[in-house]
């Protein structure tokens, strides 16, 4: 530990010849996005290709909904029967 008086305090040396860097080609305007938006990318797909596959996919979706509904109805019926069986005890 150093014991110094007020007049003996040392401050760090400062470089007085510092110059900030300049960017010659820099302009302070906002940058515009160069990539096209998602809507512009997907628009041709939905105009041409998606229309051809829509009906086939809609039919397949309906078949899947029916196939998923049948086991749910069957399970609900089984739970109702189980509740009736426990109620009869």
Protein backbone atom coordinates (compact mmCIF):
# COMPACT_ATOMS: atom_id res chain seq x y z
CA UNK A 1 0.00 0.00 0.00
CA UNK A 2 1.37 3.35 -0.98
CA UNK A 3 0.96 6.36 1.19
CA UNK A 4 0.82 9.43 -1.00
CA UNK A 5 -0.21 12.94 -0.39
CA UNK A 6 -2.71 14.80 -2.49
CA UNK A 7 -0.06 16.50 -4.62
CA UNK A 8 1.71 13.22 -5.39
CA UNK A 9 -1.24 11.34 -6.95
CA UNK A 10 -0.44 9.96 -10.38
CA UNK A 11 -2.93 9.87 -13.21
CA UNK A 12 -2.63 7.61 -16.26
CA UNK A 13 -0.95 9.06 -19.31
CA UNK A 14 -3.35 10.11 -22.04
CA UNK A 15 -2.49 10.02 -25.71
CA UNK A 16 -3.47 13.42 -27.04
CA UNK A 17 -2.88 12.62 -30.72
CA UNK A 18 -5.86 10.25 -31.09
CA UNK A 19 -7.91 10.69 -34.27
CA UNK A 20 -11.10 8.77 -34.93
CA UNK A 21 -11.32 6.71 -38.10
CA UNK A 22 -13.40 8.06 -40.96
CA UNK A 23 -15.52 5.93 -43.25
CA UNK A 24 -15.31 7.42 -46.70
CA UNK A 25 -18.21 5.56 -48.30
CA UNK A 26 -20.59 5.76 -45.35
CA UNK A 27 -23.94 7.48 -45.77
CA UNK A 28 -26.33 7.67 -42.86
CA UNK A 29 -29.52 6.59 -44.63
CA UNK A 30 -31.57 3.55 -43.77
CA UNK A 31 -30.75 0.36 -45.60
CA UNK A 32 -33.46 -1.13 -47.78
CA UNK A 33 -33.93 -4.90 -47.61
CA UNK A 34 -32.59 -6.53 -50.74
CA UNK A 35 -34.22 -9.92 -50.22
CA UNK A 36 -37.78 -10.27 -51.51
CA UNK A 37 -40.52 -10.72 -48.94
CA UNK A 38 -42.04 -14.11 -48.18
CA UNK A 39 -45.26 -13.13 -49.94
CA UNK A 40 -43.38 -12.32 -53.14
CA UNK A 41 -41.55 -15.64 -52.99
CA UNK A 42 -44.67 -17.74 -52.40
CA UNK A 43 -47.07 -15.91 -54.73
CA UNK A 44 -46.14 -17.85 -57.93
CA UNK A 45 -46.45 -21.15 -56.07
CA UNK A 46 -49.97 -20.39 -54.88
CA UNK A 47 -51.01 -19.10 -58.31
CA UNK A 48 -49.87 -22.14 -60.29
CA UNK A 49 -48.87 -25.26 -58.39
CA UNK A 50 -51.07 -25.13 -55.29
CA UNK A 51 -54.30 -25.00 -57.29
CA UNK A 52 -53.54 -28.29 -59.04
CA UNK A 53 -53.03 -30.20 -55.80
CA UNK A 54 -55.80 -28.60 -53.71
CA UNK A 55 -58.63 -31.02 -54.47
CA UNK A 56 -56.54 -34.13 -53.97
CA UNK A 57 -55.20 -32.81 -50.68
CA UNK A 58 -58.71 -31.79 -49.53
CA UNK A 59 -60.01 -35.31 -50.16
CA UNK A 60 -57.04 -36.84 -48.33
CA UNK A 61 -57.61 -34.46 -45.40
CA UNK A 62 -61.29 -35.45 -45.21
CA UNK A 63 -60.34 -39.15 -45.15
CA UNK A 64 -57.85 -38.52 -42.34
CA UNK A 65 -60.44 -36.58 -40.32
CA UNK A 66 -62.95 -39.43 -40.65
CA UNK A 67 -60.27 -42.00 -39.79
CA UNK A 68 -59.33 -40.05 -36.65
CA UNK A 69 -62.96 -39.44 -35.62
CA UNK A 70 -63.99 -43.12 -35.59
CA UNK A 71 -61.60 -44.18 -32.75
CA UNK A 72 -62.50 -41.06 -30.74
CA UNK A 73 -66.22 -41.83 -30.92
CA UNK A 74 -65.53 -45.45 -30.06
CA UNK A 75 -63.40 -44.41 -27.06
CA UNK A 76 -66.07 -41.99 -25.85
CA UNK A 77 -68.67 -44.74 -26.10
CA UNK A 78 -66.42 -47.09 -24.08
CA UNK A 79 -65.96 -44.46 -21.36
CA UNK A 80 -69.73 -43.94 -21.16
CA UNK A 81 -70.23 -47.70 -20.80
CA UNK A 82 -67.54 -47.82 -18.08
CA UNK A 83 -69.26 -45.02 -16.14
CA UNK A 84 -72.59 -46.86 -16.40
CA UNK A 85 -70.95 -50.06 -15.14
CA UNK A 86 -69.46 -48.28 -12.12
CA UNK A 87 -72.77 -46.54 -11.46
CA UNK A 88 -74.60 -49.88 -11.32
CA UNK A 89 -72.38 -51.19 -8.52
